[in-house]
Amino acid sequence: MEKITGSDFASPETMHDFMAFYKRLAGQQEPLYRLDDFFGMGGAWLAFRHEDVVAILKDPRFVKDVRKLAPPQDQGEPGQKYASVSKFRQWFKEMPNMLTVDPPDHTRLRRLASKAFTPHTIEGLRPRIQQIADELLDAVQERGRMDLITDFAYPLPITVISEMLGIPVADRDQFREWTRKLLNASLDPKQEDTVSEVLDKFVEYIKTLLAEKRAHPGNDITSGLVQAHDEGDQLSENELLSTIWLLIVAGHETTVNLIGNGILALLKHPEQMRLLRSDPSLLPSAVEELLRYAGPVMIASRFASEDIPMHGNEIRKGEIVLVSLAGANVDPHKFSHPEVLDITREENEHLAFGKGIHLCLGAPLARLEGQVAFGTLLQRLPHLRLAVEPEQLTYNRSTLRSLTSLPVLF
């Protein structure tokens, strides 16, 4: 049987048809699969069964903070072949945030940001999110066509998170450029300089933003984090910078792709799109099903903090353990007919937002934005359809399922 490599996780074939790739994985007959190399980070273990992914994500022996661990003898920093990956890893070592650390640092950093992301607080944003969605469609309605990513899926969440952070919405195009460059450069061995340049520009932007908030604080997340840093010494300067960076990027990028991937899935399953259009009460369950079926985050990583036996293998201290969230979400042992898009699916314990202490902080916001986005698009654009054949669509080379564009007619 053909061996699976790390590069397969970001290939165009995988992005176009993940179910086929999952069947290749499941066909290996190894519940814990060994990859020789994952983008220059050395050998890695891969779990893709729902039960195993949940167990790893909830096990405190599998950690996020690589700074605590000495890599095994046969591993080290990525070589020049994957210099762009190396640059990212080094940056996160120096710029920790809640995504890259473990308790007690994770607990402290997450608590500081969590007040703005409670379900009650997020639900209060519904009227504003609806207003943004309507304004975006007003701008393109007469055209009869748009790039759904550029004209709708991107500006909706970046406007929301910009307003939450107290960032001028006019800067959203700059974030788009930087984020796209990082996406496309992150796994390109020739793009180390691009990664460095973009990260430097991002940090300089945030430093300027923090100076502005110190001089003129507002009722926003950034001002609150600045105050926590300045008055209570609850986070370091680098943690402050990295946390704002994380909230900007994670606060929009995954939702952009939930909307893009979700609409594409509905367009490819017109009976499901008709059902949702005729019964908007299905929006909450539809969003959950689209997260399961076409969620953007395909893989997450941990490091073994000690030698851990699993499925007859010995995971050595310091080794990388990858968990395929997308694989777990189509595991037939967990989901009935996982290859079928069913917006009425009732039992849907998908892992699109992860599990355990690193469960996505922004999950309530992403769910709400998804409900508003899908509901508004289907109600206002009754003749929504693809402007190209599905096979013509392209994806960013990333471990995120991320369309470069989605041309549609309406």
Foldseek 3Di string as FASTA:
>chain_A
DDDDALLVLQDFVCLLPVVVVLVVVVVVVAQWDWHQDHLQQGIAIEHQALVVQQVLLADPLWFQALVVFDADPRGDQGDLQRLLQSLVVVLCNQQPELRRGDPPLVVLRCVLQLVCQDLVNLVVCLVVLLVVQVVLCVVCVVVQKDFCLVSPLQLSQLVVLCVQAVHPSVCSVVVVVLLLQCLQQNSHSVCNVVSVVSVVVLLVVVVVVLVVCVVPPDPHSLVSLSCCCPPVVSDDPSHSSNHVVCCNCVRRVQLSQLLVQLVVVCQVVVVVLVVCLVPVVLLLLLSLLSLLQRGFQFKDKTFRCAFDDDSNDTRHGGHIYMYGLNSNSQNCVQDPNSNDRDSVDDDRPGQSQHDHPSRPSNVSNSSSSSSSNSNCCCNVPVPKHFPDDSVPWGARSHSTSGTPTTMIGD
